[in-house]
Amino acid sequence: HKEREIMPIWVFMVRYDGEMACSTHFTEKGAVLTAIEDVLQYLGIEDDEDAKNVYNDRSGIEEDAGVEPPEWHHEKLRKMTVGELYGIFGEWVEKTWDDFMYECEITKTRVAA
């Protein structure tokens, strides 16, 4: 009886307007990058102005407009560590909390061969 090989994978799960979707990734970094991309797309961030507006004025109460938003440029995000990416993900995903139509999560699981 051979021992089963078990491979870790990371799953990004999202629920939007009642619809569930997920993507699987061989690396944790890939899952976090996908999660950040999805959150940014949901928030409508396509340029620096969008990023500043969303980050400083999401819940209808304008915060300090001088606060720089977390990174959002995909090329720059790809060069970051997983730890840095989780920090950025946390800051952006917080901007979705007032909207109960959108939820997302990253989790680790295993594939048995």
N, C-alpha and C. Protein backbone atom coordinates (compact mmCIF):
# COMPACT_ATOMS: atom_id res chain seq x y z
N HIS A 1 0.85 -1.18 0.00
CA HIS A 1 0.00 0.00 0.00
C HIS A 1 0.89 1.24 0.00
N LYS A 2 0.89 1.96 -1.11
CA LYS A 2 1.71 3.17 -1.24
C LYS A 2 1.10 4.33 -0.48
N GLU A 3 1.98 5.14 0.11
CA GLU A 3 1.50 6.35 0.78
C GLU A 3 1.02 7.34 -0.26
N ARG A 4 -0.11 7.98 0.01
CA ARG A 4 -0.64 8.97 -0.93
C ARG A 4 0.20 10.25 -0.86
N GLU A 5 0.44 10.82 -2.02
CA GLU A 5 1.11 12.10 -2.05
C GLU A 5 0.05 13.17 -1.83
N ILE A 6 0.38 14.13 -1.00
CA ILE A 6 -0.56 15.21 -0.74
C ILE A 6 0.10 16.52 -1.11
N MET A 7 -0.60 17.29 -1.94
CA MET A 7 -0.05 18.55 -2.42
C MET A 7 -0.89 19.72 -1.89
N PRO A 8 -0.24 20.70 -1.28
CA PRO A 8 -1.01 21.87 -0.82
C PRO A 8 -1.39 22.77 -2.00
N ILE A 9 -2.59 23.30 -1.96
CA ILE A 9 -3.03 24.31 -2.93
C ILE A 9 -3.76 25.40 -2.17
N TRP A 10 -3.87 26.55 -2.79
CA TRP A 10 -4.60 27.67 -2.20
C TRP A 10 -5.81 27.95 -3.06
N VAL A 11 -6.90 28.26 -2.40
CA VAL A 11 -8.16 28.51 -3.10
C VAL A 11 -8.63 29.92 -2.79
N PHE A 12 -8.99 30.64 -3.83
CA PHE A 12 -9.62 31.95 -3.67
C PHE A 12 -11.10 31.74 -3.95
N MET A 13 -11.93 32.06 -2.96
CA MET A 13 -13.38 31.90 -3.09
C MET A 13 -14.04 33.28 -3.02
N VAL A 14 -15.03 33.48 -3.86
CA VAL A 14 -15.73 34.76 -3.86
C VAL A 14 -17.22 34.52 -4.04
N ARG A 15 -18.00 35.32 -3.34
CA ARG A 15 -19.46 35.32 -3.50
C ARG A 15 -19.86 36.73 -3.88
N TYR A 16 -20.51 36.85 -5.02
CA TYR A 16 -20.98 38.15 -5.47
C TYR A 16 -22.44 38.02 -5.89
N ASP A 17 -23.29 38.76 -5.25
CA ASP A 17 -24.71 38.77 -5.57
C ASP A 17 -25.30 37.36 -5.58
N GLY A 18 -24.89 36.54 -4.61
CA GLY A 18 -25.43 35.20 -4.48
C GLY A 18 -24.73 34.14 -5.32
N GLU A 19 -23.86 34.54 -6.23
CA GLU A 19 -23.13 33.59 -7.09
C GLU A 19 -21.78 33.29 -6.47
N MET A 20 -21.45 32.00 -6.40
CA MET A 20 -20.15 31.59 -5.86
C MET A 20 -19.19 31.26 -7.00
N ALA A 21 -17.92 31.56 -6.79
CA ALA A 21 -16.87 31.19 -7.75
C ALA A 21 -15.60 30.93 -6.97
N CYS A 22 -14.72 30.14 -7.54
CA CYS A 22 -13.43 29.93 -6.88
C CYS A 22 -12.36 29.66 -7.93
N SER A 23 -11.13 29.88 -7.54
CA SER A 23 -9.99 29.55 -8.39
C SER A 23 -8.96 28.87 -7.50
N THR A 24 -8.22 27.94 -8.07
CA THR A 24 -7.20 27.21 -7.30
C THR A 24 -5.83 27.61 -7.81
N HIS A 25 -4.86 27.59 -6.89
CA HIS A 25 -3.52 28.08 -7.21
C HIS A 25 -2.46 27.19 -6.57
N PHE A 26 -1.39 26.96 -7.30
CA PHE A 26 -0.27 26.18 -6.77
C PHE A 26 0.51 26.96 -5.73
N THR A 27 0.44 28.31 -5.80
CA THR A 27 1.18 29.12 -4.84
C THR A 27 0.23 30.03 -4.07
N GLU A 28 0.60 30.29 -2.84
CA GLU A 28 -0.18 31.20 -2.01
C GLU A 28 -0.16 32.60 -2.64
N LYS A 29 0.98 32.98 -3.17
CA LYS A 29 1.11 34.30 -3.78
C LYS A 29 0.13 34.45 -4.95
N GLY A 30 -0.02 33.41 -5.75
CA GLY A 30 -0.96 33.47 -6.87
C GLY A 30 -2.39 33.68 -6.41
N ALA A 31 -2.75 33.02 -5.31
CA ALA A 31 -4.10 33.17 -4.78
C ALA A 31 -4.33 34.58 -4.25
N VAL A 32 -3.34 35.13 -3.54
CA VAL A 32 -3.49 36.48 -2.98
C VAL A 32 -3.54 37.52 -4.10
N LEU A 33 -2.71 37.35 -5.13
CA LEU A 33 -2.75 38.29 -6.26
C LEU A 33 -4.12 38.25 -6.94
N THR A 34 -4.66 37.06 -7.13
CA THR A 34 -5.99 36.93 -7.73
C THR A 34 -7.04 37.60 -6.86
N ALA A 35 -6.93 37.41 -5.55
CA ALA A 35 -7.89 38.02 -4.63
C ALA A 35 -7.83 39.55 -4.70
N ILE A 36 -6.62 40.09 -4.71
CA ILE A 36 -6.47 41.56 -4.81
C ILE A 36 -7.06 42.05 -6.12
N GLU A 37 -6.75 41.37 -7.22
CA GLU A 37 -7.28 41.76 -8.53
C GLU A 37 -8.80 41.77 -8.52
N ASP A 38 -9.40 40.75 -7.92
CA ASP A 38 -10.85 40.65 -7.88
C ASP A 38 -11.46 41.79 -7.06
N VAL A 39 -10.89 42.07 -5.91
CA VAL A 39 -11.38 43.15 -5.05
C VAL A 39 -11.25 44.49 -5.77
N LEU A 40 -10.11 44.72 -6.41
CA LEU A 40 -9.92 45.99 -7.13
C LEU A 40 -10.93 46.13 -8.26
N GLN A 41 -11.18 45.03 -8.96
CA GLN A 41 -12.17 45.07 -10.05
C GLN A 41 -13.55 45.36 -9.47
N TYR A 42 -13.90 44.70 -8.38
CA TYR A 42 -15.21 44.94 -7.74
C TYR A 42 -15.35 46.40 -7.31
N LEU A 43 -14.27 46.97 -6.77
CA LEU A 43 -14.31 48.36 -6.31
C LEU A 43 -14.23 49.36 -7.46
N GLY A 44 -13.95 48.90 -8.68
CA GLY A 44 -13.90 49.78 -9.85
C GLY A 44 -12.61 50.57 -9.95
N ILE A 45 -11.51 50.02 -9.47
CA ILE A 45 -10.24 50.74 -9.48
C ILE A 45 -9.46 50.42 -10.74
N GLU A 46 -9.29 51.46 -11.57
CA GLU A 46 -8.56 51.30 -12.82
C GLU A 46 -7.41 52.28 -12.96
N ASP A 47 -7.36 53.29 -12.10
CA ASP A 47 -6.26 54.26 -12.18
C ASP A 47 -6.02 54.88 -10.79
N ASP A 48 -5.00 55.75 -10.72
CA ASP A 48 -4.64 56.37 -9.43
C ASP A 48 -5.80 57.15 -8.82
N GLU A 49 -6.53 57.85 -9.67
CA GLU A 49 -7.65 58.66 -9.17
C GLU A 49 -8.73 57.77 -8.54
N ASP A 50 -9.06 56.66 -9.23
CA ASP A 50 -10.04 55.71 -8.67
C ASP A 50 -9.56 55.20 -7.32
N ALA A 51 -8.29 54.82 -7.25
CA ALA A 51 -7.73 54.25 -6.02
C ALA A 51 -7.86 55.24 -4.87
N LYS A 52 -7.49 56.50 -5.12
CA LYS A 52 -7.58 57.52 -4.07
C LYS A 52 -9.03 57.76 -3.65
N ASN A 53 -9.92 57.88 -4.63
CA ASN A 53 -11.33 58.15 -4.32
C ASN A 53 -11.96 57.02 -3.52
N VAL A 54 -11.73 55.79 -3.95
CA VAL A 54 -12.33 54.63 -3.26
C VAL A 54 -11.74 54.50 -1.86
N TYR A 55 -10.43 54.64 -1.76
CA TYR A 55 -9.79 54.42 -0.46
C TYR A 55 -10.18 55.49 0.55
N ASN A 56 -10.34 56.72 0.10
CA ASN A 56 -10.62 57.82 1.01
C ASN A 56 -12.10 58.14 1.16
N ASP A 57 -12.98 57.53 0.37
CA ASP A 57 -14.39 57.89 0.42
C ASP A 57 -15.27 56.72 0.01
N ARG A 58 -15.20 55.63 0.73
CA ARG A 58 -16.00 54.47 0.33
C ARG A 58 -17.32 54.40 1.09
N SER A 59 -17.33 54.72 2.35
CA SER A 59 -18.55 54.53 3.15
C SER A 59 -19.39 55.81 3.22
N GLY A 60 -19.18 56.71 2.29
CA GLY A 60 -19.97 57.94 2.27
C GLY A 60 -19.42 59.03 3.17
N ILE A 61 -18.47 58.69 4.01
CA ILE A 61 -17.85 59.67 4.89
C ILE A 61 -16.44 59.90 4.37
N GLU A 62 -16.18 61.10 3.93
CA GLU A 62 -14.85 61.37 3.38
C GLU A 62 -13.83 61.40 4.50
N GLU A 63 -12.83 60.56 4.34
CA GLU A 63 -11.75 60.54 5.32
C GLU A 63 -10.69 61.53 4.87
N ASP A 64 -9.53 61.48 5.43
CA ASP A 64 -8.44 62.38 5.05
C ASP A 64 -8.06 62.12 3.60
N ALA A 65 -8.39 63.06 2.74
CA ALA A 65 -8.15 62.89 1.30
C ALA A 65 -6.67 62.81 0.96
N GLY A 66 -5.81 63.18 1.90
CA GLY A 66 -4.38 63.14 1.64
C GLY A 66 -3.76 61.78 1.86
N VAL A 67 -4.53 60.82 2.35
CA VAL A 67 -4.00 59.49 2.63
C VAL A 67 -3.79 58.74 1.32
N GLU A 68 -2.57 58.24 1.14
CA GLU A 68 -2.27 57.47 -0.07
C GLU A 68 -2.91 56.09 0.05
N PRO A 69 -3.57 55.63 -1.00
CA PRO A 69 -4.17 54.29 -0.96
C PRO A 69 -3.10 53.20 -1.01
N PRO A 70 -3.46 51.99 -0.62
CA PRO A 70 -2.52 50.88 -0.75
C PRO A 70 -2.18 50.67 -2.24
N GLU A 71 -1.13 49.95 -2.50
CA GLU A 71 -0.72 49.67 -3.88
C GLU A 71 -1.86 48.99 -4.63
N TRP A 72 -1.95 49.28 -5.92
CA TRP A 72 -2.96 48.63 -6.75
C TRP A 72 -2.43 48.26 -8.12
N HIS A 73 -1.26 48.78 -8.49
CA HIS A 73 -0.66 48.48 -9.79
C HIS A 73 -0.24 47.01 -9.84
N HIS A 74 -0.77 46.28 -10.79
CA HIS A 74 -0.52 44.84 -10.87
C HIS A 74 0.96 44.49 -11.00
N GLU A 75 1.70 45.29 -11.79
CA GLU A 75 3.12 45.01 -11.99
C GLU A 75 3.89 45.15 -10.67
N LYS A 76 3.55 46.15 -9.89
CA LYS A 76 4.23 46.36 -8.60
C LYS A 76 3.82 45.29 -7.60
N LEU A 77 2.55 44.90 -7.61
CA LEU A 77 2.06 43.88 -6.69
C LEU A 77 2.79 42.55 -6.91
N ARG A 78 3.05 42.21 -8.16
CA ARG A 78 3.70 40.93 -8.49
C ARG A 78 5.11 40.83 -7.93
N LYS A 79 5.73 41.95 -7.64
CA LYS A 79 7.11 41.96 -7.12
C LYS A 79 7.15 41.88 -5.59
N MET A 80 5.99 41.92 -4.95
CA MET A 80 5.94 41.95 -3.48
C MET A 80 5.94 40.55 -2.89
N THR A 81 6.22 40.49 -1.59
CA THR A 81 6.19 39.22 -0.87
C THR A 81 4.74 38.87 -0.50
N VAL A 82 4.52 37.62 -0.15
CA VAL A 82 3.19 37.19 0.26
C VAL A 82 2.71 37.99 1.47
N GLY A 83 3.61 38.23 2.43
CA GLY A 83 3.24 39.01 3.62
C GLY A 83 2.79 40.41 3.26
N GLU A 84 3.53 41.06 2.37
CA GLU A 84 3.14 42.41 1.92
C GLU A 84 1.79 42.37 1.22
N LEU A 85 1.59 41.35 0.40
CA LEU A 85 0.34 41.24 -0.36
C LEU A 85 -0.86 41.03 0.55
N TYR A 86 -0.69 40.22 1.61
CA TYR A 86 -1.81 40.04 2.55
C TYR A 86 -2.18 41.36 3.21
N GLY A 87 -1.20 42.19 3.53
CA GLY A 87 -1.48 43.49 4.11
C GLY A 87 -2.30 44.36 3.16
N ILE A 88 -1.90 44.38 1.90
CA ILE A 88 -2.61 45.17 0.89
C ILE A 88 -4.01 44.60 0.67
N PHE A 89 -4.11 43.29 0.59
CA PHE A 89 -5.42 42.64 0.43
C PHE A 89 -6.35 43.04 1.58
N GLY A 90 -5.83 42.99 2.80
CA GLY A 90 -6.64 43.35 3.96
C GLY A 90 -7.15 44.78 3.91
N GLU A 91 -6.29 45.69 3.47
CA GLU A 91 -6.71 47.10 3.40
C GLU A 91 -7.79 47.31 2.34
N TRP A 92 -7.62 46.69 1.17
CA TRP A 92 -8.61 46.87 0.11
C TRP A 92 -9.90 46.13 0.41
N VAL A 93 -9.81 44.89 0.91
CA VAL A 93 -11.04 44.12 1.13
C VAL A 93 -11.91 44.78 2.21
N GLU A 94 -11.30 45.50 3.12
CA GLU A 94 -12.07 46.21 4.15
C GLU A 94 -13.05 47.19 3.51
N LYS A 95 -12.72 47.71 2.36
CA LYS A 95 -13.60 48.66 1.66
C LYS A 95 -14.84 47.99 1.09
N THR A 96 -14.90 46.66 1.13
CA THR A 96 -16.08 45.95 0.63
C THR A 96 -17.03 45.55 1.75
N TRP A 97 -16.64 45.72 2.99
CA TRP A 97 -17.40 45.20 4.13
C TRP A 97 -18.79 45.78 4.26
N ASP A 98 -19.02 47.00 3.79
CA ASP A 98 -20.34 47.60 3.89
C ASP A 98 -21.32 47.02 2.87
N ASP A 99 -20.80 46.31 1.89
CA ASP A 99 -21.63 45.76 0.84
C ASP A 99 -21.77 44.26 1.05
N PHE A 100 -22.93 43.83 1.48
CA PHE A 100 -23.13 42.42 1.80
C PHE A 100 -23.32 41.56 0.56
N MET A 101 -23.22 42.15 -0.62
CA MET A 101 -23.33 41.37 -1.86
C MET A 101 -21.99 40.76 -2.25
N TYR A 102 -20.92 41.18 -1.62
CA TYR A 102 -19.58 40.73 -2.01
C TYR A 102 -18.83 40.19 -0.80
N GLU A 103 -18.29 39.00 -0.92
CA GLU A 103 -17.45 38.39 0.12
C GLU A 103 -16.36 37.60 -0.57
N CYS A 104 -15.17 37.56 0.01
CA CYS A 104 -14.13 36.72 -0.56
C CYS A 104 -13.21 36.21 0.54
N GLU A 105 -12.50 35.14 0.22
CA GLU A 105 -11.65 34.48 1.21
C GLU A 105 -10.56 33.69 0.48
N ILE A 106 -9.41 33.57 1.14
CA ILE A 106 -8.31 32.73 0.64
C ILE A 106 -8.11 31.64 1.66
N THR A 107 -8.04 30.40 1.22
CA THR A 107 -7.84 29.30 2.15
C THR A 107 -6.88 28.27 1.56
N LYS A 108 -6.23 27.56 2.44
CA LYS A 108 -5.29 26.51 2.00
C LYS A 108 -5.96 25.15 2.17
N THR A 109 -5.78 24.29 1.20
CA THR A 109 -6.30 22.93 1.29
C THR A 109 -5.29 21.99 0.65
N ARG A 110 -5.63 20.74 0.55
CA ARG A 110 -4.70 19.76 -0.02
C ARG A 110 -5.40 18.91 -1.08
N VAL A 111 -4.62 18.52 -2.07
CA VAL A 111 -5.10 17.62 -3.10
C VAL A 111 -4.42 16.27 -2.87
N ALA A 112 -5.20 15.26 -2.71
CA ALA A 112 -4.65 13.91 -2.55
C ALA A 112 -4.56 13.24 -3.92
N ALA A 113 -3.42 12.66 -4.20
CA ALA A 113 -3.22 12.01 -5.51
C ALA A 113 -3.70 10.57 -5.49
